[in-house]
Amino acid sequence: MPNKADRNYFKTAIAIPRNSIYISAFDLNQEWGKIDRPFKASIRLAAPIYNSQNKLQGIVAITYMGEHLDRQLTQKSYTTLGQVMILNRSGYWLISPEPEQEWGFILPQRRQQTFER
């Protein structure tokens, strides 16, 4: 397993106050510096762990794989009117009726794929 100390969720979690939890943005899983293919959407929860002397001992991180959320939303859309769409706060597609629009904030070739455009 690769060292995760350079990951944003690790750096953020190690700096937050005791008894806090960091929740990452919904993004694509990366290993060894490359985005996993096929795409694996994920959200990470991470928290610092301290010993009884209040000394930082490490980080506990949980990765929630977004395919479960995607599958549930897609299944529910079959019984409702309209289409399932999810955007991030910058207007980039996380879930789109057209998958080639998704993940423009991560994938340079899709940088122009926003809800606004």
N, C-alpha and C. Protein backbone atom coordinates (compact mmCIF):
# COMPACT_ATOMS: atom_id res chain seq x y z
N MET A 1 0.85 -1.18 0.00
CA MET A 1 0.00 0.00 0.00
C MET A 1 0.90 1.24 0.00
N PRO A 2 0.58 2.21 -0.87
CA PRO A 2 1.40 3.42 -0.92
C PRO A 2 1.22 4.29 0.32
N ASN A 3 2.25 5.07 0.61
CA ASN A 3 2.21 6.04 1.70
C ASN A 3 1.22 7.14 1.32
N LYS A 4 0.30 7.46 2.20
CA LYS A 4 -0.75 8.44 1.92
C LYS A 4 -0.49 9.80 2.55
N ALA A 5 0.68 10.01 3.13
CA ALA A 5 0.96 11.25 3.86
C ALA A 5 0.92 12.49 2.97
N ASP A 6 1.08 12.33 1.66
CA ASP A 6 1.05 13.49 0.77
C ASP A 6 -0.35 13.83 0.27
N ARG A 7 -1.32 13.02 0.63
CA ARG A 7 -2.70 13.25 0.17
C ARG A 7 -3.33 14.41 0.92
N ASN A 8 -4.20 15.13 0.20
CA ASN A 8 -4.86 16.29 0.79
C ASN A 8 -5.64 15.92 2.04
N TYR A 9 -6.37 14.81 2.00
CA TYR A 9 -7.19 14.43 3.17
C TYR A 9 -6.30 14.15 4.38
N PHE A 10 -5.12 13.58 4.17
CA PHE A 10 -4.21 13.31 5.28
C PHE A 10 -3.66 14.62 5.85
N LYS A 11 -3.18 15.48 4.97
CA LYS A 11 -2.62 16.77 5.41
C LYS A 11 -3.66 17.61 6.16
N THR A 12 -4.89 17.59 5.68
CA THR A 12 -5.95 18.36 6.33
C THR A 12 -6.31 17.74 7.67
N ALA A 13 -6.47 16.42 7.70
CA ALA A 13 -6.87 15.74 8.94
C ALA A 13 -5.83 15.87 10.04
N ILE A 14 -4.57 15.88 9.68
CA ILE A 14 -3.52 15.96 10.69
C ILE A 14 -3.46 17.36 11.33
N ALA A 15 -4.05 18.34 10.63
CA ALA A 15 -3.99 19.73 11.12
C ALA A 15 -5.27 20.19 11.81
N ILE A 16 -6.33 19.40 11.77
CA ILE A 16 -7.58 19.86 12.39
C ILE A 16 -7.57 19.60 13.90
N PRO A 17 -8.41 20.30 14.63
CA PRO A 17 -8.44 20.12 16.09
C PRO A 17 -8.88 18.72 16.50
N ARG A 18 -8.47 18.37 17.68
CA ARG A 18 -8.90 17.10 18.28
C ARG A 18 -10.42 17.02 18.28
N ASN A 19 -10.95 15.82 18.10
CA ASN A 19 -12.39 15.55 18.05
C ASN A 19 -13.09 16.15 16.83
N SER A 20 -12.32 16.46 15.79
CA SER A 20 -12.90 16.96 14.54
C SER A 20 -12.79 15.88 13.48
N ILE A 21 -13.63 15.99 12.47
CA ILE A 21 -13.61 15.06 11.34
C ILE A 21 -13.56 15.87 10.05
N TYR A 22 -12.66 15.49 9.18
CA TYR A 22 -12.57 16.10 7.86
C TYR A 22 -13.40 15.26 6.89
N ILE A 23 -14.21 15.93 6.05
CA ILE A 23 -14.97 15.27 5.00
C ILE A 23 -14.52 15.88 3.68
N SER A 24 -13.98 15.04 2.81
CA SER A 24 -13.44 15.54 1.55
C SER A 24 -14.54 15.87 0.55
N ALA A 25 -14.13 16.48 -0.51
CA ALA A 25 -15.01 16.67 -1.66
C ALA A 25 -15.22 15.32 -2.33
N PHE A 26 -16.30 15.19 -3.06
CA PHE A 26 -16.56 14.00 -3.86
C PHE A 26 -15.66 14.10 -5.08
N ASP A 27 -14.73 13.16 -5.24
CA ASP A 27 -13.82 13.23 -6.37
C ASP A 27 -13.44 11.83 -6.84
N LEU A 28 -12.45 11.74 -7.71
CA LEU A 28 -12.04 10.45 -8.26
C LEU A 28 -10.86 9.90 -7.47
N ASN A 29 -10.91 8.62 -7.18
CA ASN A 29 -9.84 7.95 -6.45
C ASN A 29 -8.57 7.92 -7.29
N GLN A 30 -7.44 8.15 -6.62
CA GLN A 30 -6.14 8.11 -7.28
C GLN A 30 -5.22 7.19 -6.51
N GLU A 31 -4.43 6.44 -7.24
CA GLU A 31 -3.39 5.60 -6.65
C GLU A 31 -2.12 5.76 -7.46
N TRP A 32 -1.01 5.84 -6.77
CA TRP A 32 0.30 5.97 -7.41
C TRP A 32 0.35 7.18 -8.34
N GLY A 33 -0.38 8.25 -7.97
CA GLY A 33 -0.35 9.48 -8.74
C GLY A 33 -1.21 9.49 -9.99
N LYS A 34 -2.00 8.44 -10.19
CA LYS A 34 -2.85 8.36 -11.38
C LYS A 34 -4.29 8.09 -10.98
N ILE A 35 -5.22 8.66 -11.74
CA ILE A 35 -6.64 8.44 -11.50
C ILE A 35 -6.97 7.01 -11.89
N ASP A 36 -7.65 6.30 -10.98
CA ASP A 36 -8.07 4.92 -11.25
C ASP A 36 -8.98 4.86 -12.47
N ARG A 37 -8.78 3.86 -13.28
CA ARG A 37 -9.65 3.56 -14.41
C ARG A 37 -10.15 2.14 -14.24
N PRO A 38 -11.41 1.84 -14.40
CA PRO A 38 -12.46 2.83 -14.62
C PRO A 38 -12.57 3.77 -13.43
N PHE A 39 -13.19 4.92 -13.65
CA PHE A 39 -13.31 5.92 -12.61
C PHE A 39 -13.98 5.35 -11.37
N LYS A 40 -13.45 5.75 -10.21
CA LYS A 40 -14.01 5.34 -8.92
C LYS A 40 -14.22 6.60 -8.09
N ALA A 41 -15.45 7.08 -8.07
CA ALA A 41 -15.77 8.26 -7.28
C ALA A 41 -15.70 7.90 -5.80
N SER A 42 -15.20 8.85 -4.98
CA SER A 42 -15.07 8.56 -3.55
C SER A 42 -15.17 9.82 -2.72
N ILE A 43 -15.52 9.60 -1.46
CA ILE A 43 -15.53 10.65 -0.43
C ILE A 43 -14.73 10.07 0.73
N ARG A 44 -13.88 10.90 1.34
CA ARG A 44 -13.08 10.42 2.46
C ARG A 44 -13.45 11.16 3.73
N LEU A 45 -13.50 10.40 4.81
CA LEU A 45 -13.65 10.96 6.15
C LEU A 45 -12.36 10.63 6.88
N ALA A 46 -11.78 11.62 7.54
CA ALA A 46 -10.52 11.40 8.23
C ALA A 46 -10.49 12.20 9.53
N ALA A 47 -9.84 11.63 10.53
CA ALA A 47 -9.75 12.28 11.85
C ALA A 47 -8.42 11.96 12.49
N PRO A 48 -7.86 12.93 13.21
CA PRO A 48 -6.62 12.66 13.95
C PRO A 48 -6.93 11.83 15.20
N ILE A 49 -5.98 10.99 15.56
CA ILE A 49 -6.12 10.14 16.75
C ILE A 49 -5.01 10.53 17.73
N TYR A 50 -5.41 10.76 18.98
CA TYR A 50 -4.48 11.18 20.03
C TYR A 50 -4.41 10.13 21.13
N ASN A 51 -3.26 10.06 21.81
CA ASN A 51 -3.15 9.16 22.96
C ASN A 51 -3.59 9.89 24.22
N SER A 52 -3.48 9.22 25.36
CA SER A 52 -3.94 9.81 26.63
C SER A 52 -3.10 11.00 27.07
N GLN A 53 -1.92 11.17 26.51
CA GLN A 53 -1.08 12.34 26.81
C GLN A 53 -1.30 13.48 25.79
N ASN A 54 -2.36 13.34 25.02
CA ASN A 54 -2.73 14.35 24.02
C ASN A 54 -1.68 14.47 22.90
N LYS A 55 -0.99 13.39 22.62
CA LYS A 55 0.00 13.37 21.54
C LYS A 55 -0.62 12.71 20.32
N LEU A 56 -0.46 13.37 19.18
CA LEU A 56 -0.99 12.84 17.93
C LEU A 56 -0.34 11.50 17.62
N GLN A 57 -1.16 10.49 17.38
CA GLN A 57 -0.66 9.15 17.08
C GLN A 57 -0.82 8.77 15.61
N GLY A 58 -1.73 9.42 14.92
CA GLY A 58 -1.95 9.09 13.52
C GLY A 58 -3.29 9.59 13.04
N ILE A 59 -3.70 9.07 11.92
CA ILE A 59 -4.94 9.46 11.27
C ILE A 59 -5.76 8.20 10.98
N VAL A 60 -7.05 8.28 11.21
CA VAL A 60 -7.96 7.23 10.77
C VAL A 60 -8.72 7.81 9.58
N ALA A 61 -8.69 7.07 8.47
CA ALA A 61 -9.38 7.53 7.26
C ALA A 61 -10.27 6.43 6.72
N ILE A 62 -11.46 6.82 6.30
CA ILE A 62 -12.43 5.91 5.71
C ILE A 62 -12.76 6.45 4.33
N THR A 63 -12.72 5.57 3.35
CA THR A 63 -13.10 5.95 1.99
C THR A 63 -14.46 5.34 1.67
N TYR A 64 -15.40 6.19 1.29
CA TYR A 64 -16.71 5.74 0.85
C TYR A 64 -16.70 5.79 -0.67
N MET A 65 -16.87 4.65 -1.30
CA MET A 65 -16.86 4.58 -2.75
C MET A 65 -18.20 5.05 -3.30
N GLY A 66 -18.17 6.06 -4.13
CA GLY A 66 -19.36 6.71 -4.63
C GLY A 66 -20.22 5.90 -5.58
N GLU A 67 -19.70 4.76 -6.07
CA GLU A 67 -20.52 3.97 -6.98
C GLU A 67 -21.81 3.50 -6.32
N HIS A 68 -21.78 3.32 -4.99
CA HIS A 68 -22.99 2.91 -4.27
C HIS A 68 -24.04 4.02 -4.34
N LEU A 69 -23.62 5.25 -4.12
CA LEU A 69 -24.53 6.40 -4.21
C LEU A 69 -25.03 6.55 -5.63
N ASP A 70 -24.13 6.47 -6.59
CA ASP A 70 -24.49 6.61 -8.00
C ASP A 70 -25.52 5.55 -8.40
N ARG A 71 -25.29 4.31 -7.99
CA ARG A 71 -26.20 3.22 -8.33
C ARG A 71 -27.58 3.45 -7.72
N GLN A 72 -27.63 3.88 -6.45
CA GLN A 72 -28.92 4.10 -5.81
C GLN A 72 -29.68 5.23 -6.48
N LEU A 73 -28.99 6.32 -6.79
CA LEU A 73 -29.66 7.45 -7.44
C LEU A 73 -30.15 7.07 -8.83
N THR A 74 -29.33 6.32 -9.56
CA THR A 74 -29.73 5.89 -10.91
C THR A 74 -30.95 4.98 -10.85
N GLN A 75 -30.97 4.05 -9.91
CA GLN A 75 -32.12 3.15 -9.77
C GLN A 75 -33.38 3.93 -9.41
N LYS A 76 -33.26 4.91 -8.54
CA LYS A 76 -34.43 5.71 -8.15
C LYS A 76 -34.93 6.55 -9.32
N SER A 77 -34.04 6.95 -10.21
CA SER A 77 -34.46 7.80 -11.33
C SER A 77 -35.35 7.06 -12.31
N TYR A 78 -35.29 5.73 -12.31
CA TYR A 78 -36.15 4.96 -13.20
C TYR A 78 -37.62 5.08 -12.81
N THR A 79 -37.89 5.43 -11.57
CA THR A 79 -39.27 5.49 -11.10
C THR A 79 -39.76 6.93 -10.91
N THR A 80 -38.99 7.90 -11.36
CA THR A 80 -39.38 9.30 -11.21
C THR A 80 -39.28 10.02 -12.55
N LEU A 81 -39.85 11.20 -12.61
CA LEU A 81 -39.71 12.03 -13.80
C LEU A 81 -38.38 12.76 -13.74
N GLY A 82 -37.79 13.02 -14.86
CA GLY A 82 -36.55 13.77 -14.92
C GLY A 82 -35.33 12.88 -14.87
N GLN A 83 -34.18 13.51 -14.70
CA GLN A 83 -32.90 12.81 -14.68
C GLN A 83 -32.11 13.20 -13.43
N VAL A 84 -31.28 12.28 -12.97
CA VAL A 84 -30.44 12.55 -11.81
C VAL A 84 -29.21 13.33 -12.28
N MET A 85 -28.93 14.44 -11.60
CA MET A 85 -27.75 15.25 -11.88
C MET A 85 -27.21 15.76 -10.55
N ILE A 86 -25.90 15.69 -10.40
CA ILE A 86 -25.26 16.25 -9.21
C ILE A 86 -24.09 17.11 -9.67
N LEU A 87 -23.99 18.30 -9.08
CA LEU A 87 -22.91 19.24 -9.38
C LEU A 87 -22.13 19.52 -8.12
N ASN A 88 -20.87 19.89 -8.26
CA ASN A 88 -20.14 20.39 -7.10
C ASN A 88 -20.38 21.89 -6.98
N ARG A 89 -19.83 22.52 -5.98
CA ARG A 89 -20.14 23.93 -5.74
C ARG A 89 -19.60 24.85 -6.83
N SER A 90 -18.67 24.36 -7.66
CA SER A 90 -18.14 25.15 -8.77
C SER A 90 -18.91 24.92 -10.07
N GLY A 91 -19.94 24.08 -10.03
CA GLY A 91 -20.77 23.85 -11.20
C GLY A 91 -20.28 22.73 -12.10
N TYR A 92 -19.30 21.95 -11.64
CA TYR A 92 -18.84 20.81 -12.43
C TYR A 92 -19.71 19.60 -12.16
N TRP A 93 -19.91 18.81 -13.20
CA TRP A 93 -20.75 17.62 -13.10
C TRP A 93 -20.06 16.52 -12.29
N LEU A 94 -20.77 15.98 -11.32
CA LEU A 94 -20.34 14.77 -10.62
C LEU A 94 -21.12 13.58 -11.18
N ILE A 95 -22.41 13.79 -11.38
CA ILE A 95 -23.26 12.82 -12.05
C ILE A 95 -24.04 13.59 -13.10
N SER A 96 -23.96 13.12 -14.35
CA SER A 96 -24.61 13.79 -15.47
C SER A 96 -25.33 12.75 -16.32
N PRO A 97 -26.39 13.16 -17.02
CA PRO A 97 -27.02 12.24 -17.97
C PRO A 97 -26.04 11.85 -19.09
N GLU A 98 -24.99 12.67 -19.28
CA GLU A 98 -23.95 12.39 -20.28
C GLU A 98 -22.63 12.20 -19.55
N PRO A 99 -22.20 10.96 -19.31
CA PRO A 99 -21.00 10.69 -18.51
C PRO A 99 -19.73 11.41 -18.98
N GLU A 100 -19.63 11.74 -20.25
CA GLU A 100 -18.43 12.44 -20.73
C GLU A 100 -18.35 13.87 -20.22
N GLN A 101 -19.40 14.36 -19.55
CA GLN A 101 -19.38 15.69 -18.94
C GLN A 101 -18.82 15.66 -17.52
N GLU A 102 -18.76 14.50 -16.91
CA GLU A 102 -18.42 14.38 -15.49
C GLU A 102 -16.92 14.60 -15.23
N TRP A 103 -16.64 15.12 -14.02
CA TRP A 103 -15.29 15.24 -13.45
C TRP A 103 -14.39 16.27 -14.15
N GLY A 104 -14.99 17.30 -14.73
CA GLY A 104 -14.21 18.34 -15.40
C GLY A 104 -13.25 19.10 -14.49
N PHE A 105 -13.52 19.13 -13.20
CA PHE A 105 -12.61 19.83 -12.27
C PHE A 105 -11.36 18.99 -12.00
N ILE A 106 -11.36 17.72 -12.38
CA ILE A 106 -10.20 16.85 -12.20
C ILE A 106 -9.54 16.51 -13.54
N LEU A 107 -10.35 16.28 -14.55
CA LEU A 107 -9.85 15.85 -15.86
C LEU A 107 -9.66 17.05 -16.78
N PRO A 108 -8.41 17.39 -17.12
CA PRO A 108 -8.15 18.59 -17.92
C PRO A 108 -8.91 18.64 -19.25
N GLN A 109 -9.08 17.51 -19.90
CA GLN A 109 -9.77 17.49 -21.19
C GLN A 109 -11.26 17.79 -21.05
N ARG A 110 -11.78 17.81 -19.83
CA ARG A 110 -13.20 18.11 -19.59
C ARG A 110 -13.39 19.43 -18.84
N ARG A 111 -12.36 20.23 -18.75
CA ARG A 111 -12.38 21.45 -17.95
C ARG A 111 -13.54 22.37 -18.34
N GLN A 112 -13.97 22.36 -19.57
CA GLN A 112 -15.05 23.24 -20.04
C GLN A 112 -16.44 22.68 -19.75
N GLN A 113 -16.52 21.46 -19.22
CA GLN A 113 -17.80 20.80 -19.00
C GLN A 113 -18.40 21.20 -17.65
N THR A 114 -19.10 22.30 -17.65
CA THR A 114 -19.79 22.76 -16.44
C THR A 114 -21.28 22.90 -16.75
N PHE A 115 -22.07 22.97 -15.70
CA PHE A 115 -23.52 23.15 -15.87
C PHE A 115 -23.81 24.44 -16.62
N GLU A 116 -23.08 25.49 -16.28
CA GLU A 116 -23.30 26.79 -16.91
C GLU A 116 -23.06 26.74 -18.42
N ARG A 117 -22.01 26.01 -18.81
CA ARG A 117 -21.67 25.94 -20.25
C ARG A 117 -22.50 24.90 -20.93
